[in-house]
Amino acid sequence: MNENIKEFAVQKAKELMNASTCCPEAKAAVQNWLDALGTDREAEQTRTFLAELEMDIVTADGLIAFAGSEAGERVFGKEMAKNIAAHGRELKAAGAAYCDCPACSAVAAILEKKDELL
């Protein structure tokens, strides 16, 4: 793995871990990956880390659907859920594939380098 790519991924992984929108599973995957860097577990943990990120990133359509659901209203509150759904529609109209929250933005940046990380 190229050191510049690794440094970039570490930076983005730490951003992900510190994002308020990061789920516990992604935080654990980040920590496990960071702990494995430079060890004989690095390749395995890199694959596990990237697989977790691929499962966790929220598409623009997924954001719209969740924010527009009863579950989304329970999580965000009715008014905020309506605003988030509208934001998701704006993202989709602009051609964005993914949610632009801090966690999804960090994940998208890491996944753009997936081939170089493997």
N, C-alpha and C. Protein backbone atom coordinates (compact mmCIF):
# COMPACT_ATOMS: atom_id res chain seq x y z
N MET A 1 0.85 -1.17 0.00
CA MET A 1 0.00 0.00 0.00
C MET A 1 0.90 1.24 0.00
N ASN A 2 0.62 2.15 -0.90
CA ASN A 2 1.35 3.41 -1.00
C ASN A 2 1.20 4.20 0.31
N GLU A 3 2.31 4.72 0.82
CA GLU A 3 2.28 5.43 2.10
C GLU A 3 1.39 6.68 2.06
N ASN A 4 1.38 7.40 0.93
CA ASN A 4 0.52 8.58 0.83
C ASN A 4 -0.95 8.20 0.89
N ILE A 5 -1.30 7.11 0.24
CA ILE A 5 -2.68 6.62 0.28
C ILE A 5 -3.02 6.17 1.69
N LYS A 6 -2.10 5.48 2.32
CA LYS A 6 -2.34 5.01 3.70
C LYS A 6 -2.54 6.21 4.63
N GLU A 7 -1.69 7.22 4.53
CA GLU A 7 -1.83 8.41 5.37
C GLU A 7 -3.17 9.10 5.13
N PHE A 8 -3.57 9.20 3.86
CA PHE A 8 -4.85 9.80 3.52
C PHE A 8 -5.99 9.00 4.17
N ALA A 9 -5.94 7.68 4.04
CA ALA A 9 -6.99 6.82 4.59
C ALA A 9 -7.03 6.90 6.11
N VAL A 10 -5.87 6.97 6.74
CA VAL A 10 -5.82 7.11 8.21
C VAL A 10 -6.48 8.42 8.62
N GLN A 11 -6.16 9.50 7.93
CA GLN A 11 -6.74 10.80 8.25
C GLN A 11 -8.27 10.75 8.11
N LYS A 12 -8.74 10.21 7.00
CA LYS A 12 -10.18 10.12 6.76
C LYS A 12 -10.85 9.16 7.74
N ALA A 13 -10.17 8.08 8.09
CA ALA A 13 -10.71 7.13 9.07
C ALA A 13 -10.88 7.79 10.43
N LYS A 14 -9.93 8.61 10.81
CA LYS A 14 -10.05 9.33 12.09
C LYS A 14 -11.18 10.36 12.03
N GLU A 15 -11.33 11.02 10.87
CA GLU A 15 -12.46 11.94 10.70
C GLU A 15 -13.77 11.17 10.85
N LEU A 16 -13.83 10.01 10.23
CA LEU A 16 -15.02 9.17 10.32
C LEU A 16 -15.32 8.82 11.77
N MET A 17 -14.33 8.34 12.47
CA MET A 17 -14.51 7.90 13.85
C MET A 17 -15.00 9.05 14.74
N ASN A 18 -14.58 10.27 14.43
CA ASN A 18 -14.95 11.43 15.24
C ASN A 18 -16.25 12.10 14.79
N ALA A 19 -16.81 11.64 13.68
CA ALA A 19 -18.05 12.23 13.16
C ALA A 19 -19.23 11.82 14.04
N SER A 20 -20.07 12.76 14.36
CA SER A 20 -21.24 12.46 15.19
C SER A 20 -22.20 11.50 14.48
N THR A 21 -22.12 11.42 13.17
CA THR A 21 -23.01 10.56 12.40
C THR A 21 -22.43 9.17 12.14
N CYS A 22 -21.29 8.87 12.74
CA CYS A 22 -20.65 7.57 12.56
C CYS A 22 -21.31 6.53 13.47
N CYS A 23 -21.66 5.39 12.89
CA CYS A 23 -22.29 4.32 13.66
C CYS A 23 -21.24 3.55 14.47
N PRO A 24 -21.66 2.87 15.52
CA PRO A 24 -20.72 2.11 16.35
C PRO A 24 -19.94 1.05 15.59
N GLU A 25 -20.57 0.41 14.62
CA GLU A 25 -19.89 -0.64 13.86
C GLU A 25 -18.74 -0.06 13.04
N ALA A 26 -18.96 1.10 12.44
CA ALA A 26 -17.89 1.74 11.67
C ALA A 26 -16.77 2.20 12.59
N LYS A 27 -17.13 2.74 13.76
CA LYS A 27 -16.09 3.16 14.72
C LYS A 27 -15.22 1.97 15.11
N ALA A 28 -15.85 0.84 15.36
CA ALA A 28 -15.09 -0.36 15.73
C ALA A 28 -14.21 -0.81 14.58
N ALA A 29 -14.73 -0.77 13.35
CA ALA A 29 -13.95 -1.19 12.19
C ALA A 29 -12.75 -0.27 12.00
N VAL A 30 -12.95 1.03 12.20
CA VAL A 30 -11.84 1.99 12.09
C VAL A 30 -10.77 1.64 13.12
N GLN A 31 -11.19 1.46 14.37
CA GLN A 31 -10.21 1.20 15.43
C GLN A 31 -9.46 -0.10 15.18
N ASN A 32 -10.18 -1.13 14.76
CA ASN A 32 -9.53 -2.41 14.48
C ASN A 32 -8.51 -2.26 13.34
N TRP A 33 -8.88 -1.49 12.32
CA TRP A 33 -7.97 -1.28 11.19
C TRP A 33 -6.75 -0.49 11.63
N LEU A 34 -6.97 0.59 12.37
CA LEU A 34 -5.84 1.39 12.85
C LEU A 34 -4.90 0.56 13.71
N ASP A 35 -5.48 -0.27 14.58
CA ASP A 35 -4.67 -1.13 15.46
C ASP A 35 -3.87 -2.16 14.67
N ALA A 36 -4.38 -2.56 13.50
CA ALA A 36 -3.73 -3.61 12.70
C ALA A 36 -2.66 -3.06 11.75
N LEU A 37 -2.64 -1.76 11.54
CA LEU A 37 -1.65 -1.21 10.60
C LEU A 37 -0.24 -1.57 11.05
N GLY A 38 0.55 -2.04 10.10
CA GLY A 38 1.93 -2.41 10.38
C GLY A 38 2.09 -3.77 11.01
N THR A 39 0.99 -4.53 11.11
CA THR A 39 1.06 -5.88 11.69
C THR A 39 0.72 -6.90 10.61
N ASP A 40 0.81 -8.17 10.97
CA ASP A 40 0.45 -9.22 10.02
C ASP A 40 -1.06 -9.31 9.80
N ARG A 41 -1.84 -8.54 10.54
CA ARG A 41 -3.30 -8.50 10.39
C ARG A 41 -3.76 -7.35 9.49
N GLU A 42 -2.82 -6.55 9.01
CA GLU A 42 -3.20 -5.35 8.25
C GLU A 42 -4.05 -5.66 7.03
N ALA A 43 -3.66 -6.59 6.19
CA ALA A 43 -4.40 -6.89 4.96
C ALA A 43 -5.81 -7.38 5.28
N GLU A 44 -5.91 -8.28 6.24
CA GLU A 44 -7.22 -8.81 6.62
C GLU A 44 -8.12 -7.70 7.17
N GLN A 45 -7.57 -6.88 8.05
CA GLN A 45 -8.37 -5.80 8.65
C GLN A 45 -8.71 -4.72 7.62
N THR A 46 -7.86 -4.52 6.64
CA THR A 46 -8.17 -3.56 5.59
C THR A 46 -9.39 -4.04 4.82
N ARG A 47 -9.44 -5.32 4.48
CA ARG A 47 -10.60 -5.87 3.77
C ARG A 47 -11.87 -5.75 4.62
N THR A 48 -11.75 -6.07 5.91
CA THR A 48 -12.89 -5.99 6.82
C THR A 48 -13.37 -4.54 6.96
N PHE A 49 -12.42 -3.63 7.11
CA PHE A 49 -12.71 -2.20 7.24
C PHE A 49 -13.45 -1.69 6.01
N LEU A 50 -12.95 -2.00 4.83
CA LEU A 50 -13.58 -1.52 3.61
C LEU A 50 -14.96 -2.14 3.41
N ALA A 51 -15.12 -3.40 3.76
CA ALA A 51 -16.42 -4.05 3.65
C ALA A 51 -17.44 -3.36 4.57
N GLU A 52 -17.02 -3.02 5.77
CA GLU A 52 -17.91 -2.32 6.70
C GLU A 52 -18.30 -0.96 6.14
N LEU A 53 -17.35 -0.25 5.59
CA LEU A 53 -17.65 1.07 5.03
C LEU A 53 -18.64 0.96 3.87
N GLU A 54 -18.47 -0.05 3.03
CA GLU A 54 -19.40 -0.24 1.92
C GLU A 54 -20.82 -0.52 2.41
N MET A 55 -20.94 -1.19 3.55
CA MET A 55 -22.26 -1.46 4.12
C MET A 55 -22.87 -0.23 4.76
N ASP A 56 -22.03 0.65 5.30
CA ASP A 56 -22.53 1.76 6.10
C ASP A 56 -22.81 3.04 5.34
N ILE A 57 -22.17 3.25 4.19
CA ILE A 57 -22.38 4.51 3.48
C ILE A 57 -23.85 4.60 3.04
N VAL A 58 -24.41 5.77 3.20
CA VAL A 58 -25.83 5.99 2.90
C VAL A 58 -25.94 6.67 1.53
N THR A 59 -26.72 6.06 0.66
CA THR A 59 -26.96 6.67 -0.64
C THR A 59 -27.90 7.86 -0.48
N ALA A 60 -27.93 8.70 -1.48
CA ALA A 60 -28.87 9.83 -1.47
C ALA A 60 -30.30 9.28 -1.39
N ASP A 61 -30.59 8.23 -2.15
CA ASP A 61 -31.92 7.62 -2.09
C ASP A 61 -32.22 7.05 -0.71
N GLY A 62 -31.21 6.44 -0.10
CA GLY A 62 -31.38 5.89 1.25
C GLY A 62 -31.64 6.99 2.27
N LEU A 63 -30.97 8.11 2.12
CA LEU A 63 -31.18 9.25 3.02
C LEU A 63 -32.61 9.76 2.90
N ILE A 64 -33.06 9.92 1.67
CA ILE A 64 -34.42 10.39 1.43
C ILE A 64 -35.44 9.43 2.03
N ALA A 65 -35.24 8.15 1.78
CA ALA A 65 -36.18 7.13 2.28
C ALA A 65 -36.20 7.10 3.80
N PHE A 66 -35.01 7.11 4.43
CA PHE A 66 -34.98 7.02 5.89
C PHE A 66 -35.57 8.28 6.51
N ALA A 67 -35.17 9.45 6.02
CA ALA A 67 -35.66 10.70 6.60
C ALA A 67 -37.18 10.83 6.42
N GLY A 68 -37.71 10.25 5.36
CA GLY A 68 -39.14 10.31 5.11
C GLY A 68 -39.95 9.23 5.80
N SER A 69 -39.29 8.40 6.55
CA SER A 69 -39.99 7.30 7.23
C SER A 69 -40.34 7.67 8.67
N GLU A 70 -41.18 6.83 9.27
CA GLU A 70 -41.51 7.02 10.69
C GLU A 70 -40.25 6.87 11.55
N ALA A 71 -39.39 5.94 11.18
CA ALA A 71 -38.14 5.76 11.94
C ALA A 71 -37.29 7.02 11.85
N GLY A 72 -37.22 7.62 10.67
CA GLY A 72 -36.46 8.85 10.49
C GLY A 72 -37.03 9.98 11.34
N GLU A 73 -38.35 10.06 11.40
CA GLU A 73 -38.99 11.08 12.24
C GLU A 73 -38.68 10.86 13.71
N ARG A 74 -38.63 9.60 14.12
CA ARG A 74 -38.30 9.30 15.52
C ARG A 74 -36.85 9.70 15.82
N VAL A 75 -35.94 9.45 14.89
CA VAL A 75 -34.52 9.76 15.11
C VAL A 75 -34.27 11.26 15.06
N PHE A 76 -34.80 11.92 14.03
CA PHE A 76 -34.47 13.32 13.79
C PHE A 76 -35.49 14.31 14.33
N GLY A 77 -36.70 13.84 14.61
CA GLY A 77 -37.80 14.75 14.90
C GLY A 77 -38.48 15.06 13.57
N LYS A 78 -39.77 15.37 13.64
CA LYS A 78 -40.57 15.51 12.42
C LYS A 78 -40.03 16.61 11.50
N GLU A 79 -39.78 17.79 12.03
CA GLU A 79 -39.34 18.91 11.19
C GLU A 79 -37.94 18.67 10.61
N MET A 80 -37.02 18.20 11.44
CA MET A 80 -35.66 17.95 10.97
C MET A 80 -35.66 16.83 9.92
N ALA A 81 -36.48 15.80 10.12
CA ALA A 81 -36.57 14.72 9.14
C ALA A 81 -37.04 15.26 7.80
N LYS A 82 -38.01 16.17 7.84
CA LYS A 82 -38.50 16.78 6.60
C LYS A 82 -37.39 17.57 5.91
N ASN A 83 -36.60 18.30 6.69
CA ASN A 83 -35.47 19.06 6.14
C ASN A 83 -34.39 18.15 5.57
N ILE A 84 -34.12 17.05 6.25
CA ILE A 84 -33.09 16.11 5.79
C ILE A 84 -33.55 15.43 4.50
N ALA A 85 -34.82 15.07 4.43
CA ALA A 85 -35.34 14.46 3.20
C ALA A 85 -35.23 15.46 2.04
N ALA A 86 -35.56 16.71 2.29
CA ALA A 86 -35.43 17.73 1.25
C ALA A 86 -33.98 17.89 0.82
N HIS A 87 -33.08 17.87 1.79
CA HIS A 87 -31.65 17.95 1.47
C HIS A 87 -31.22 16.75 0.63
N GLY A 88 -31.71 15.58 0.97
CA GLY A 88 -31.40 14.38 0.19
C GLY A 88 -31.88 14.52 -1.25
N ARG A 89 -33.07 15.10 -1.43
CA ARG A 89 -33.57 15.31 -2.79
C ARG A 89 -32.70 16.31 -3.54
N GLU A 90 -32.20 17.32 -2.84
CA GLU A 90 -31.27 18.29 -3.46
C GLU A 90 -29.98 17.60 -3.88
N LEU A 91 -29.45 16.76 -3.01
CA LEU A 91 -28.23 16.01 -3.33
C LEU A 91 -28.44 15.17 -4.58
N LYS A 92 -29.56 14.44 -4.60
CA LYS A 92 -29.85 13.56 -5.73
C LYS A 92 -30.00 14.38 -7.01
N ALA A 93 -30.70 15.49 -6.94
CA ALA A 93 -30.90 16.34 -8.12
C ALA A 93 -29.57 16.88 -8.65
N ALA A 94 -28.62 17.09 -7.74
CA ALA A 94 -27.30 17.59 -8.13
C ALA A 94 -26.39 16.47 -8.63
N GLY A 95 -26.89 15.24 -8.59
CA GLY A 95 -26.11 14.11 -9.10
C GLY A 95 -25.26 13.41 -8.05
N ALA A 96 -25.43 13.77 -6.78
CA ALA A 96 -24.66 13.11 -5.72
C ALA A 96 -25.17 11.69 -5.52
N ALA A 97 -24.25 10.80 -5.34
CA ALA A 97 -24.61 9.40 -5.11
C ALA A 97 -24.88 9.13 -3.63
N TYR A 98 -24.20 9.89 -2.76
CA TYR A 98 -24.22 9.59 -1.33
C TYR A 98 -24.62 10.79 -0.48
N CYS A 99 -25.01 10.47 0.72
CA CYS A 99 -25.25 11.47 1.76
C CYS A 99 -23.96 12.27 1.94
N ASP A 100 -24.10 13.52 2.33
CA ASP A 100 -22.91 14.36 2.50
C ASP A 100 -22.63 14.70 3.97
N CYS A 101 -23.16 13.89 4.89
CA CYS A 101 -22.84 14.11 6.30
C CYS A 101 -21.35 13.83 6.51
N PRO A 102 -20.79 14.26 7.63
CA PRO A 102 -19.35 14.04 7.85
C PRO A 102 -18.92 12.57 7.75
N ALA A 103 -19.72 11.66 8.27
CA ALA A 103 -19.33 10.24 8.22
C ALA A 103 -19.36 9.72 6.78
N CYS A 104 -20.45 9.97 6.07
CA CYS A 104 -20.54 9.46 4.69
C CYS A 104 -19.51 10.13 3.78
N SER A 105 -19.21 11.39 4.02
CA SER A 105 -18.19 12.07 3.22
C SER A 105 -16.82 11.43 3.42
N ALA A 106 -16.49 11.10 4.67
CA ALA A 106 -15.21 10.44 4.96
C ALA A 106 -15.18 9.05 4.33
N VAL A 107 -16.28 8.32 4.45
CA VAL A 107 -16.36 6.97 3.87
C VAL A 107 -16.20 7.03 2.35
N ALA A 108 -16.89 7.97 1.71
CA ALA A 108 -16.79 8.10 0.25
C ALA A 108 -15.35 8.37 -0.18
N ALA A 109 -14.66 9.23 0.58
CA ALA A 109 -13.27 9.55 0.24
C ALA A 109 -12.38 8.32 0.37
N ILE A 110 -12.59 7.53 1.42
CA ILE A 110 -11.80 6.30 1.62
C ILE A 110 -12.10 5.30 0.50
N LEU A 111 -13.39 5.12 0.21
CA LEU A 111 -13.76 4.13 -0.80
C LEU A 111 -13.28 4.50 -2.20
N GLU A 112 -13.06 5.78 -2.45
CA GLU A 112 -12.48 6.20 -3.73
C GLU A 112 -11.06 5.63 -3.89
N LYS A 113 -10.40 5.33 -2.77
CA LYS A 113 -9.04 4.80 -2.78
C LYS A 113 -9.00 3.30 -2.50
N LYS A 114 -10.16 2.65 -2.56
CA LYS A 114 -10.26 1.24 -2.19
C LYS A 114 -9.25 0.37 -2.91
N ASP A 115 -9.16 0.50 -4.21
CA ASP A 115 -8.25 -0.37 -4.99
C ASP A 115 -6.81 -0.19 -4.56
N GLU A 116 -6.44 1.03 -4.22
CA GLU A 116 -5.06 1.28 -3.78
C GLU A 116 -4.79 0.81 -2.36
N LEU A 117 -5.87 0.68 -1.57
CA LEU A 117 -5.73 0.21 -0.20
C LEU A 117 -5.63 -1.30 -0.11
N LEU A 118 -6.19 -1.99 -1.09
CA LEU A 118 -6.17 -3.46 -1.04
C LEU A 118 -4.86 -4.04 -1.51
